[in-house]
Amino acid sequence: MGKLTYNSTLSADFDDRVLAHIQVVIGAKLRRGECFYFTWRDDPQGGDGRSTIWLHPAIPLTYKYFGGRSPSLNREWIEALMLTANSSGGLQLVPEPHRATAVVTVRDDS
């Protein structure tokens, strides 16, 4: 289970694989200087609501992964997430599409 920390004040837990995919989408948008919303469903143990944050290049984000390996990335899922991020509602988690040949391996050589 990974953790996204927003502005050092708000944190949310995501599966490492999910977090890796949203990191790619968020990074692409912020590199272009684009601001947008990110909405997710909260853990049922924390109230079963939803949270929304406004993402801006000047607001610090931290991605903490608890697994030792970088997950493989599904290009089709990144594209589906990017479609939501480019909408007026902002980035929202959508189910991962069937993984055909769209897997990209990210290597961490550090």
PDB file of N, CA and C in Angstrom:
ATOM      1  N   MET A   1       0.851  -1.180   0.000  1.00  0.00           N
ATOM      2  CA  MET A   1       0.000   0.000   0.000  1.00  0.00           C
ATOM      3  C   MET A   1       0.890   1.235   0.000  1.00  0.00           C
ATOM      4  N   GLY A   2       0.712   2.101  -0.984  1.00  0.00           N
ATOM      5  CA  GLY A   2       1.488   3.328  -1.086  1.00  0.00           C
ATOM      6  C   GLY A   2       0.718   4.502  -0.508  1.00  0.00           C
ATOM      7  N   LYS A   3       1.390   5.626  -0.426  1.00  0.00           N
ATOM      8  CA  LYS A   3       0.772   6.807   0.176  1.00  0.00           C
ATOM      9  C   LYS A   3       1.074   8.039  -0.676  1.00  0.00           C
ATOM     10  N   LEU A   4       0.036   8.799  -0.971  1.00  0.00           N
ATOM     11  CA  LEU A   4       0.162  10.097  -1.632  1.00  0.00           C
ATOM     12  C   LEU A   4      -0.029  11.153  -0.562  1.00  0.00           C
ATOM     13  N   THR A   5       0.954  12.031  -0.410  1.00  0.00           N
ATOM     14  CA  THR A   5       0.838  13.114   0.566  1.00  0.00           C
ATOM     15  C   THR A   5       0.782  14.428  -0.203  1.00  0.00           C
ATOM     16  N   TYR A   6      -0.226  15.230   0.116  1.00  0.00           N
ATOM     17  CA  TYR A   6      -0.508  16.481  -0.568  1.00  0.00           C
ATOM     18  C   TYR A   6      -0.232  17.649   0.373  1.00  0.00           C
ATOM     19  N   ASN A   7       0.670  18.513  -0.012  1.00  0.00           N
ATOM     20  CA  ASN A   7       0.969  19.735   0.740  1.00  0.00           C
ATOM     21  C   ASN A   7       1.339  19.444   2.194  1.00  0.00           C
ATOM     22  N   SER A   8       1.907  18.303   2.462  1.00  0.00           N
ATOM     23  CA  SER A   8       2.348  17.877   3.801  1.00  0.00           C
ATOM     24  C   SER A   8       1.219  17.809   4.821  1.00  0.00           C
ATOM     25  N   THR A   9      -0.029  17.935   4.391  1.00  0.00           N
ATOM     26  CA  THR A   9      -1.133  17.953   5.351  1.00  0.00           C
ATOM     27  C   THR A   9      -2.150  16.843   5.144  1.00  0.00           C
ATOM     28  N   LEU A  10      -2.339  16.417   3.913  1.00  0.00           N
ATOM     29  CA  LEU A  10      -3.348  15.408   3.599  1.00  0.00           C
ATOM     30  C   LEU A  10      -2.649  14.213   2.975  1.00  0.00           C
ATOM     31  N   SER A  11      -2.985  13.038   3.443  1.00  0.00           N
ATOM     32  CA  SER A  11      -2.420  11.848   2.812  1.00  0.00           C
ATOM     33  C   SER A  11      -3.531  10.837   2.558  1.00  0.00           C
ATOM     34  N   ALA A  12      -3.310  10.057   1.512  1.00  0.00           N
ATOM     35  CA  ALA A  12      -4.270   9.019   1.136  1.00  0.00           C
ATOM     36  C   ALA A  12      -3.504   7.779   0.733  1.00  0.00           C
ATOM     37  N   ASP A  13      -4.043   6.626   1.094  1.00  0.00           N
ATOM     38  CA  ASP A  13      -3.412   5.352   0.775  1.00  0.00           C
ATOM     39  C   ASP A  13      -3.982   4.794  -0.524  1.00  0.00           C
ATOM     40  N   PHE A  14      -3.074   4.291  -1.361  1.00  0.00           N
ATOM     41  CA  PHE A  14      -3.434   3.643  -2.615  1.00  0.00           C
ATOM     42  C   PHE A  14      -2.551   2.413  -2.773  1.00  0.00           C
ATOM     43  N   ASP A  15      -3.052   1.421  -3.462  1.00  0.00           N
ATOM     44  CA  ASP A  15      -2.230   0.295  -3.843  1.00  0.00           C
ATOM     45  C   ASP A  15      -1.030   0.827  -4.631  1.00  0.00           C
ATOM     46  N   ASP A  16       0.155   0.228  -4.441  1.00  0.00           N
ATOM     47  CA  ASP A  16       1.358   0.700  -5.136  1.00  0.00           C
ATOM     48  C   ASP A  16       1.146   0.781  -6.646  1.00  0.00           C
ATOM     49  N   ARG A  17       0.457  -0.185  -7.205  1.00  0.00           N
ATOM     50  CA  ARG A  17       0.231  -0.201  -8.659  1.00  0.00           C
ATOM     51  C   ARG A  17      -0.651   0.970  -9.084  1.00  0.00           C
ATOM     52  N   VAL A  18      -1.689   1.241  -8.332  1.00  0.00           N
ATOM     53  CA  VAL A  18      -2.556   2.387  -8.617  1.00  0.00           C
ATOM     54  C   VAL A  18      -1.751   3.678  -8.485  1.00  0.00           C
ATOM     55  N   LEU A  19      -0.990   3.790  -7.412  1.00  0.00           N
ATOM     56  CA  LEU A  19      -0.210   4.998  -7.164  1.00  0.00           C
ATOM     57  C   LEU A  19       0.787   5.258  -8.282  1.00  0.00           C
ATOM     58  N   ALA A  20       1.418   4.225  -8.796  1.00  0.00           N
ATOM     59  CA  ALA A  20       2.374   4.393  -9.890  1.00  0.00           C
ATOM     60  C   ALA A  20       1.691   4.964 -11.130  1.00  0.00           C
ATOM     61  N   HIS A  21       0.485   4.519 -11.408  1.00  0.00           N
ATOM     62  CA  HIS A  21      -0.237   5.013 -12.575  1.00  0.00           C
ATOM     63  C   HIS A  21      -0.687   6.463 -12.391  1.00  0.00           C
ATOM     64  N   ILE A  22      -1.197   6.786 -11.218  1.00  0.00           N
ATOM     65  CA  ILE A  22      -1.623   8.177 -11.037  1.00  0.00           C
ATOM     66  C   ILE A  22      -0.417   9.113 -10.964  1.00  0.00           C
ATOM     67  N   GLN A  23       0.722   8.623 -10.507  1.00  0.00           N
ATOM     68  CA  GLN A  23       1.927   9.455 -10.498  1.00  0.00           C
ATOM     69  C   GLN A  23       2.321   9.852 -11.922  1.00  0.00           C
ATOM     70  N   VAL A  24       2.237   8.915 -12.851  1.00  0.00           N
ATOM     71  CA  VAL A  24       2.565   9.220 -14.244  1.00  0.00           C
ATOM     72  C   VAL A  24       1.621  10.277 -14.802  1.00  0.00           C
ATOM     73  N   VAL A  25       0.331  10.127 -14.538  1.00  0.00           N
ATOM     74  CA  VAL A  25      -0.664  11.078 -15.055  1.00  0.00           C
ATOM     75  C   VAL A  25      -0.481  12.452 -14.407  1.00  0.00           C
ATOM     76  N   ILE A  26      -0.361  12.489 -13.101  1.00  0.00           N
ATOM     77  CA  ILE A  26      -0.188  13.762 -12.398  1.00  0.00           C
ATOM     78  C   ILE A  26       1.101  14.439 -12.857  1.00  0.00           C
ATOM     79  N   GLY A  27       2.179  13.675 -12.969  1.00  0.00           N
ATOM     80  CA  GLY A  27       3.450  14.243 -13.404  1.00  0.00           C
ATOM     81  C   GLY A  27       3.367  14.854 -14.789  1.00  0.00           C
ATOM     82  N   ALA A  28       2.690  14.168 -15.708  1.00  0.00           N
ATOM     83  CA  ALA A  28       2.555  14.685 -17.073  1.00  0.00           C
ATOM     84  C   ALA A  28       1.784  16.001 -17.083  1.00  0.00           C
ATOM     85  N   LYS A  29       0.701  16.057 -16.329  1.00  0.00           N
ATOM     86  CA  LYS A  29      -0.101  17.285 -16.288  1.00  0.00           C
ATOM     87  C   LYS A  29       0.667  18.440 -15.645  1.00  0.00           C
ATOM     88  N   LEU A  30       1.329  18.175 -14.532  1.00  0.00           N
ATOM     89  CA  LEU A  30       2.034  19.245 -13.826  1.00  0.00           C
ATOM     90  C   LEU A  30       3.259  19.728 -14.592  1.00  0.00           C
ATOM     91  N   ARG A  31       3.927  18.826 -15.328  1.00  0.00           N
ATOM     92  CA  ARG A  31       5.072  19.243 -16.155  1.00  0.00           C
ATOM     93  C   ARG A  31       4.641  20.261 -17.199  1.00  0.00           C
ATOM     94  N   ARG A  32       3.406  20.137 -17.662  1.00  0.00           N
ATOM     95  CA  ARG A  32       2.883  21.083 -18.652  1.00  0.00           C
ATOM     96  C   ARG A  32       2.300  22.333 -17.986  1.00  0.00           C
ATOM     97  N   GLY A  33       2.393  22.408 -16.672  1.00  0.00           N
ATOM     98  CA  GLY A  33       1.873  23.569 -15.950  1.00  0.00           C
ATOM     99  C   GLY A  33       0.364  23.580 -15.829  1.00  0.00           C
ATOM    100  N   GLU A  34      -0.277  22.422 -15.990  1.00  0.00           N
ATOM    101  CA  GLU A  34      -1.736  22.340 -15.932  1.00  0.00           C
ATOM    102  C   GLU A  34      -2.207  22.040 -14.515  1.00  0.00           C
ATOM    103  N   CYS A  35      -3.181  22.795 -14.063  1.00  0.00           N
ATOM    104  CA  CYS A  35      -3.821  22.577 -12.766  1.00  0.00           C
ATOM    105  C   CYS A  35      -5.092  21.766 -13.003  1.00  0.00           C
ATOM    106  N   PHE A  36      -5.472  20.934 -12.026  1.00  0.00           N
ATOM    107  CA  PHE A  36      -6.656  20.101 -12.192  1.00  0.00           C
ATOM    108  C   PHE A  36      -7.042  19.495 -10.848  1.00  0.00           C
ATOM    109  N   TYR A  37      -8.256  18.966 -10.789  1.00  0.00           N
ATOM    110  CA  TYR A  37      -8.741  18.263  -9.606  1.00  0.00           C
ATOM    111  C   TYR A  37      -8.343  16.797  -9.669  1.00  0.00           C
ATOM    112  N   PHE A  38      -8.213  16.189  -8.499  1.00  0.00           N
ATOM    113  CA  PHE A  38      -8.060  14.739  -8.379  1.00  0.00           C
ATOM    114  C   PHE A  38      -9.035  14.293  -7.304  1.00  0.00           C
ATOM    115  N   THR A  39      -9.943  13.390  -7.675  1.00  0.00           N
ATOM    116  CA  THR A  39     -10.972  12.890  -6.764  1.00  0.00           C
ATOM    117  C   THR A  39     -10.841  11.382  -6.630  1.00  0.00           C
ATOM    118  N   TRP A  40     -10.984  10.888  -5.410  1.00  0.00           N
ATOM    119  CA  TRP A  40     -10.958   9.444  -5.162  1.00  0.00           C
ATOM    120  C   TRP A  40     -11.940   9.108  -4.054  1.00  0.00           C
ATOM    121  N   ARG A  41     -12.311   7.845  -4.005  1.00  0.00           N
ATOM    122  CA  ARG A  41     -13.182   7.341  -2.931  1.00  0.00           C
ATOM    123  C   ARG A  41     -12.322   7.069  -1.715  1.00  0.00           C
ATOM    124  N   ASP A  42     -12.804   7.491  -0.578  1.00  0.00           N
ATOM    125  CA  ASP A  42     -12.088   7.258   0.678  1.00  0.00           C
ATOM    126  C   ASP A  42     -12.262   5.813   1.125  1.00  0.00           C
ATOM    127  N   ASP A  43     -11.354   5.385   1.953  1.00  0.00           N
ATOM    128  CA  ASP A  43     -11.420   4.051   2.539  1.00  0.00           C
ATOM    129  C   ASP A  43     -12.698   3.954   3.370  1.00  0.00           C
ATOM    130  N   PRO A  44     -13.461   2.876   3.225  1.00  0.00           N
ATOM    131  CA  PRO A  44     -14.699   2.735   4.001  1.00  0.00           C
ATOM    132  C   PRO A  44     -14.477   2.868   5.509  1.00  0.00           C
ATOM    133  N   GLN A  45     -13.306   2.490   6.000  1.00  0.00           N
ATOM    134  CA  GLN A  45     -13.022   2.618   7.428  1.00  0.00           C
ATOM    135  C   GLN A  45     -12.887   4.079   7.859  1.00  0.00           C
ATOM    136  N   GLY A  46     -12.644   4.971   6.889  1.00  0.00           N
ATOM    137  CA  GLY A  46     -12.495   6.385   7.208  1.00  0.00           C
ATOM    138  C   GLY A  46     -13.733   7.202   6.922  1.00  0.00           C
ATOM    139  N   GLY A  47     -14.862   6.555   6.669  1.00  0.00           N
ATOM    140  CA  GLY A  47     -16.096   7.298   6.459  1.00  0.00           C
ATOM    141  C   GLY A  47     -16.769   7.020   5.137  1.00  0.00           C
ATOM    142  N   ASP A  48     -16.104   6.320   4.223  1.00  0.00           N
ATOM    143  CA  ASP A  48     -16.691   5.910   2.958  1.00  0.00           C
ATOM    144  C   ASP A  48     -17.184   7.082   2.113  1.00  0.00           C
ATOM    145  N   GLY A  49     -16.543   8.220   2.215  1.00  0.00           N
ATOM    146  CA  GLY A  49     -16.893   9.364   1.378  1.00  0.00           C
ATOM    147  C   GLY A  49     -15.949   9.460   0.201  1.00  0.00           C
ATOM    148  N   ARG A  50     -15.706  10.677  -0.222  1.00  0.00           N
ATOM    149  CA  ARG A  50     -14.730  10.900  -1.276  1.00  0.00           C
ATOM    150  C   ARG A  50     -13.950  12.156  -0.957  1.00  0.00           C
ATOM    151  N   SER A  51     -12.776  12.260  -1.532  1.00  0.00           N
ATOM    152  CA  SER A  51     -11.918  13.426  -1.327  1.00  0.00           C
ATOM    153  C   SER A  51     -11.535  13.998  -2.682  1.00  0.00           C
ATOM    154  N   THR A  52     -11.376  15.316  -2.721  1.00  0.00           N
ATOM    155  CA  THR A  52     -10.935  16.005  -3.925  1.00  0.00           C
ATOM    156  C   THR A  52      -9.870  17.004  -3.532  1.00  0.00           C
ATOM    157  N   ILE A  53      -8.785  17.022  -4.303  1.00  0.00           N
ATOM    158  CA  ILE A  53      -7.733  18.019  -4.091  1.00  0.00           C
ATOM    159  C   ILE A  53      -7.512  18.775  -5.398  1.00  0.00           C
ATOM    160  N   TRP A  54      -7.031  19.992  -5.281  1.00  0.00           N
ATOM    161  CA  TRP A  54      -6.675  20.820  -6.432  1.00  0.00           C
ATOM    162  C   TRP A  54      -5.176  20.678  -6.617  1.00  0.00           C
ATOM    163  N   LEU A  55      -4.774  20.149  -7.752  1.00  0.00           N
ATOM    164  CA  LEU A  55      -3.355  19.943  -8.025  1.00  0.00           C
ATOM    165  C   LEU A  55      -2.804  21.110  -8.829  1.00  0.00           C
ATOM    166  N   HIS A  56      -1.700  21.647  -8.355  1.00  0.00           N
ATOM    167  CA  HIS A  56      -1.040  22.809  -8.947  1.00  0.00           C
ATOM    168  C   HIS A  56       0.458  22.564  -8.863  1.00  0.00           C
ATOM    169  N   PRO A  57       1.224  22.987  -9.861  1.00  0.00           N
ATOM    170  CA  PRO A  57       2.664  22.728  -9.838  1.00  0.00           C
ATOM    171  C   PRO A  57       3.399  23.253  -8.597  1.00  0.00           C
ATOM    172  N   ALA A  58       2.856  24.242  -7.915  1.00  0.00           N
ATOM    173  CA  ALA A  58       3.529  24.817  -6.752  1.00  0.00           C
ATOM    174  C   ALA A  58       3.200  24.092  -5.445  1.00  0.00           C
ATOM    175  N   ILE A  59       2.258  23.170  -5.465  1.00  0.00           N
ATOM    176  CA  ILE A  59       1.867  22.458  -4.248  1.00  0.00           C
ATOM    177  C   ILE A  59       2.647  21.150  -4.172  1.00  0.00           C
ATOM    178  N   PRO A  60       3.381  20.931  -3.076  1.00  0.00           N
ATOM    179  CA  PRO A  60       4.212  19.722  -2.991  1.00  0.00           C
ATOM    180  C   PRO A  60       3.395  18.437  -2.865  1.00  0.00           C
ATOM    181  N   LEU A  61       3.878  17.420  -3.576  1.00  0.00           N
ATOM    182  CA  LEU A  61       3.302  16.077  -3.529  1.00  0.00           C
ATOM    183  C   LEU A  61       4.425  15.105  -3.207  1.00  0.00           C
ATOM    184  N   THR A  62       4.101  14.096  -2.430  1.00  0.00           N
ATOM    185  CA  THR A  62       5.053  13.037  -2.127  1.00  0.00           C
ATOM    186  C   THR A  62       4.379  11.704  -2.410  1.00  0.00           C
ATOM    187  N   TYR A  63       5.093  10.828  -3.089  1.00  0.00           N
ATOM    188  CA  TYR A  63       4.626   9.473  -3.374  1.00  0.00           C
ATOM    189  C   TYR A  63       5.511   8.527  -2.577  1.00  0.00           C
ATOM    190  N   LYS A  64       4.925   7.757  -1.696  1.00  0.00           N
ATOM    191  CA  LYS A  64       5.677   6.794  -0.886  1.00  0.00           C
ATOM    192  C   LYS A  64       5.173   5.409  -1.241  1.00  0.00           C
ATOM    193  N   TYR A  65       6.100   4.582  -1.744  1.00  0.00           N
ATOM    194  CA  TYR A  65       5.767   3.211  -2.104  1.00  0.00           C
ATOM    195  C   TYR A  65       6.289   2.284  -1.031  1.00  0.00           C
ATOM    196  N   PHE A  66       5.501   1.297  -0.667  1.00  0.00           N
ATOM    197  CA  PHE A  66       5.925   0.375   0.369  1.00  0.00           C
ATOM    198  C   PHE A  66       6.480  -0.921  -0.201  1.00  0.00           C
ATOM    199  N   GLY A  67       6.243  -1.169  -1.485  1.00  0.00           N
ATOM    200  CA  GLY A  67       6.827  -2.336  -2.134  1.00  0.00           C
ATOM    201  C   GLY A  67       8.249  -2.013  -2.582  1.00  0.00           C
ATOM    202  N   GLY A  68       9.076  -3.020  -2.682  1.00  0.00           N
ATOM    203  CA  GLY A  68      10.469  -2.827  -3.063  1.00  0.00           C
ATOM    204  C   GLY A  68      10.704  -2.734  -4.559  1.00  0.00           C
ATOM    205  N   ARG A  69       9.728  -3.117  -5.364  1.00  0.00           N
ATOM    206  CA  ARG A  69       9.895  -3.107  -6.813  1.00  0.00           C
ATOM    207  C   ARG A  69       8.932  -2.124  -7.456  1.00  0.00           C
ATOM    208  N   SER A  70       9.371  -1.543  -8.559  1.00  0.00           N
ATOM    209  CA  SER A  70       8.493  -0.667  -9.330  1.00  0.00           C
ATOM    210  C   SER A  70       7.487  -1.523 -10.085  1.00  0.00           C
ATOM    211  N   PRO A  71       6.201  -1.198  -9.967  1.00  0.00           N
ATOM    212  CA  PRO A  71       5.204  -1.991 -10.694  1.00  0.00           C
ATOM    213  C   PRO A  71       5.279  -1.727 -12.199  1.00  0.00           C
ATOM    214  N   SER A  72       4.886  -2.702 -12.992  1.00  0.00           N
ATOM    215  CA  SER A  72       4.794  -2.479 -14.434  1.00  0.00           C
ATOM    216  C   SER A  72       3.594  -1.567 -14.685  1.00  0.00           C
ATOM    217  N   LEU A  73       3.681  -0.793 -15.750  1.00  0.00           N
ATOM    218  CA  LEU A  73       2.627   0.165 -16.060  1.00  0.00           C
ATOM    219  C   LEU A  73       1.837  -0.280 -17.283  1.00  0.00           C
ATOM    220  N   ASN A  74       0.540  -0.059 -17.228  1.00  0.00           N
ATOM    221  CA  ASN A  74      -0.372  -0.385 -18.310  1.00  0.00           C
ATOM    222  C   ASN A  74      -0.666   0.912 -19.075  1.00  0.00           C
ATOM    223  N   ARG A  75      -0.155   0.988 -20.292  1.00  0.00           N
ATOM    224  CA  ARG A  75      -0.308   2.203 -21.103  1.00  0.00           C
ATOM    225  C   ARG A  75      -1.786   2.546 -21.330  1.00  0.00           C
ATOM    226  N   GLU A  76      -2.631   1.521 -21.543  1.00  0.00           N
ATOM    227  CA  GLU A  76      -4.057   1.774 -21.756  1.00  0.00           C
ATOM    228  C   GLU A  76      -4.700   2.390 -20.520  1.00  0.00           C
ATOM    229  N   TRP A  77      -4.276   1.965 -19.333  1.00  0.00           N
ATOM    230  CA  TRP A  77      -4.825   2.524 -18.101  1.00  0.00           C
ATOM    231  C   TRP A  77      -4.368   3.968 -17.928  1.00  0.00           C
ATOM    232  N   ILE A  78      -3.106   4.234 -18.243  1.00  0.00           N
ATOM    233  CA  ILE A  78      -2.608   5.617 -18.168  1.00  0.00           C
ATOM    234  C   ILE A  78      -3.423   6.508 -19.096  1.00  0.00           C
ATOM    235  N   GLU A  79      -3.690   6.029 -20.302  1.00  0.00           N
ATOM    236  CA  GLU A  79      -4.490   6.817 -21.249  1.00  0.00           C
ATOM    237  C   GLU A  79      -5.911   7.039 -20.737  1.00  0.00           C
ATOM    238  N   ALA A  80      -6.514   6.026 -20.129  1.00  0.00           N
ATOM    239  CA  ALA A  80      -7.869   6.172 -19.575  1.00  0.00           C
ATOM    240  C   ALA A  80      -7.874   7.172 -18.417  1.00  0.00           C
ATOM    241  N   LEU A  81      -6.866   7.095 -17.559  1.00  0.00           N
ATOM    242  CA  LEU A  81      -6.763   8.053 -16.454  1.00  0.00           C
ATOM    243  C   LEU A  81      -6.522   9.467 -16.975  1.00  0.00           C
ATOM    244  N   MET A  82      -5.696   9.588 -18.017  1.00  0.00           N
ATOM    245  CA  MET A  82      -5.417  10.906 -18.594  1.00  0.00           C
ATOM    246  C   MET A  82      -6.676  11.517 -19.185  1.00  0.00           C
ATOM    247  N   LEU A  83      -7.538  10.705 -19.775  1.00  0.00           N
ATOM    248  CA  LEU A  83      -8.813  11.222 -20.300  1.00  0.00           C
ATOM    249  C   LEU A  83      -9.632  11.862 -19.186  1.00  0.00           C
ATOM    250  N   THR A  84      -9.684  11.210 -18.022  1.00  0.00           N
ATOM    251  CA  THR A  84     -10.449  11.803 -16.922  1.00  0.00           C
ATOM    252  C   THR A  84      -9.759  13.075 -16.434  1.00  0.00           C
ATOM    253  N   ALA A  85      -8.426  13.046 -16.360  1.00  0.00           N
ATOM    254  CA  ALA A  85      -7.683  14.218 -15.874  1.00  0.00           C
ATOM    255  C   ALA A  85      -7.894  15.421 -16.786  1.00  0.00           C
ATOM    256  N   ASN A  86      -8.107  15.179 -18.070  1.00  0.00           N
ATOM    257  CA  ASN A  86      -8.311  16.271 -19.021  1.00  0.00           C
ATOM    258  C   ASN A  86      -9.763  16.734 -19.091  1.00  0.00           C
ATOM    259  N   SER A  87     -10.645  16.102 -18.324  1.00  0.00           N
ATOM    260  CA  SER A  87     -12.058  16.498 -18.318  1.00  0.00           C
ATOM    261  C   SER A  87     -12.288  17.594 -17.279  1.00  0.00           C
ATOM    262  N   SER A  88     -13.453  18.195 -17.318  1.00  0.00           N
ATOM    263  CA  SER A  88     -13.774  19.255 -16.355  1.00  0.00           C
ATOM    264  C   SER A  88     -13.854  18.733 -14.924  1.00  0.00           C
ATOM    265  N   GLY A  89     -14.139  17.441 -14.753  1.00  0.00           N
ATOM    266  CA  GLY A  89     -14.203  16.848 -13.421  1.00  0.00           C
ATOM    267  C   GLY A  89     -12.850  16.491 -12.846  1.00  0.00           C
ATOM    268  N   GLY A  90     -11.828  16.464 -13.670  1.00  0.00           N
ATOM    269  CA  GLY A  90     -10.484  16.157 -13.202  1.00  0.00           C
ATOM    270  C   GLY A  90     -10.213  14.658 -13.107  1.00  0.00           C
ATOM    271  N   LEU A  91      -9.015  14.341 -12.631  1.00  0.00           N
ATOM    272  CA  LEU A  91      -8.558  12.960 -12.530  1.00  0.00           C
ATOM    273  C   LEU A  91      -9.432  12.171 -11.571  1.00  0.00           C
ATOM    274  N   GLN A  92      -9.909  11.024 -12.055  1.00  0.00           N
ATOM    275  CA  GLN A  92     -10.678  10.106 -11.227  1.00  0.00           C
ATOM    276  C   GLN A  92     -10.195   8.700 -11.538  1.00  0.00           C
ATOM    277  N   LEU A  93     -10.167   7.874 -10.519  1.00  0.00           N
ATOM    278  CA  LEU A  93      -9.723   6.504 -10.712  1.00  0.00           C
ATOM    279  C   LEU A  93     -10.776   5.734 -11.485  1.00  0.00           C
ATOM    280  N   VAL A  94     -10.345   5.094 -12.539  1.00  0.00           N
ATOM    281  CA  VAL A  94     -11.207   4.230 -13.340  1.00  0.00           C
ATOM    282  C   VAL A  94     -10.597   2.834 -13.301  1.00  0.00           C
ATOM    283  N   PRO A  95     -11.407   1.809 -13.518  1.00  0.00           N
ATOM    284  CA  PRO A  95     -10.865   0.443 -13.485  1.00  0.00           C
ATOM    285  C   PRO A  95      -9.784   0.246 -14.549  1.00  0.00           C
ATOM    286  N   GLU A  96      -8.838  -0.601 -14.229  1.00  0.00           N
ATOM    287  CA  GLU A  96      -7.773  -0.904 -15.187  1.00  0.00           C
ATOM    288  C   GLU A  96      -8.339  -1.708 -16.338  1.00  0.00           C
ATOM    289  N   PRO A  97      -8.082  -1.252 -17.589  1.00  0.00           N
ATOM    290  CA  PRO A  97      -8.513  -2.045 -18.744  1.00  0.00           C
ATOM    291  C   PRO A  97      -7.746  -3.357 -18.804  1.00  0.00           C
ATOM    292  N   HIS A  98      -8.288  -4.295 -19.530  1.00  0.00           N
ATOM    293  CA  HIS A  98      -7.606  -5.574 -19.723  1.00  0.00           C
ATOM    294  C   HIS A  98      -6.194  -5.324 -20.236  1.00  0.00           C
ATOM    295  N   ARG A  99      -5.233  -5.968 -19.624  1.00  0.00           N
ATOM    296  CA  ARG A  99      -3.830  -5.775 -19.986  1.00  0.00           C
ATOM    297  C   ARG A  99      -3.476  -6.702 -21.138  1.00  0.00           C
ATOM    298  N   ALA A 100      -3.441  -6.147 -22.327  1.00  0.00           N
ATOM    299  CA  ALA A 100      -3.030  -6.934 -23.493  1.00  0.00           C
ATOM    300  C   ALA A 100      -1.521  -6.795 -23.645  1.00  0.00           C
ATOM    301  N   THR A 101      -1.095  -6.063 -24.637  1.00  0.00           N
ATOM    302  CA  THR A 101       0.340  -5.855 -24.855  1.00  0.00           C
ATOM    303  C   THR A 101       0.743  -4.436 -24.474  1.00  0.00           C
ATOM    304  N   ALA A 102      -0.069  -3.793 -23.654  1.00  0.00           N
ATOM    305  CA  ALA A 102       0.152  -2.386 -23.358  1.00  0.00           C
ATOM    306  C   ALA A 102       0.975  -2.159 -22.108  1.00  0.00           C
ATOM    307  N   VAL A 103       1.751  -3.132 -21.704  1.00  0.00           N
ATOM    308  CA  VAL A 103       2.510  -3.008 -20.466  1.00  0.00           C
ATOM    309  C   VAL A 103       3.875  -2.400 -20.741  1.00  0.00           C
ATOM    310  N   VAL A 104       4.218  -1.410 -19.938  1.00  0.00           N
ATOM    311  CA  VAL A 104       5.532  -0.766 -20.008  1.00  0.00           C
ATOM    312  C   VAL A 104       6.221  -1.029 -18.684  1.00  0.00           C
ATOM    313  N   THR A 105       7.429  -1.494 -18.726  1.00  0.00           N
ATOM    314  CA  THR A 105       8.166  -1.763 -17.496  1.00  0.00           C
ATOM    315  C   THR A 105       9.009  -0.550 -17.147  1.00  0.00           C
ATOM    316  N   VAL A 106       8.887  -0.096 -15.918  1.00  0.00           N
ATOM    317  CA  VAL A 106       9.679   1.022 -15.431  1.00  0.00           C
ATOM    318  C   VAL A 106      10.780   0.451 -14.565  1.00  0.00           C
ATOM    319  N   ARG A 107      12.005   0.778 -14.875  1.00  0.00           N
ATOM    320  CA  ARG A 107      13.129   0.253 -14.122  1.00  0.00           C
ATOM    321  C   ARG A 107      13.654   1.323 -13.186  1.00  0.00           C
ATOM    322  N   ASP A 108      13.970   0.913 -12.012  1.00  0.00           N
ATOM    323  CA  ASP A 108      14.591   1.785 -11.024  1.00  0.00           C
ATOM    324  C   ASP A 108      15.999   1.278 -10.806  1.00  0.00           C
ATOM    325  N   ASP A 109      16.970   1.925 -11.436  1.00  0.00           N
ATOM    326  CA  ASP A 109      18.358   1.466 -11.385  1.00  0.00           C
ATOM    327  C   ASP A 109      19.143   2.083 -10.232  1.00  0.00           C
ATOM    328  N   SER A 110      18.433   2.682  -9.306  1.00  0.00           N
ATOM    329  CA  SER A 110      19.159   3.295  -8.183  1.00  0.00           C
ATOM    330  C   SER A 110      19.528   2.295  -7.125  1.00  0.00           C
TER     331      SER A 110
END
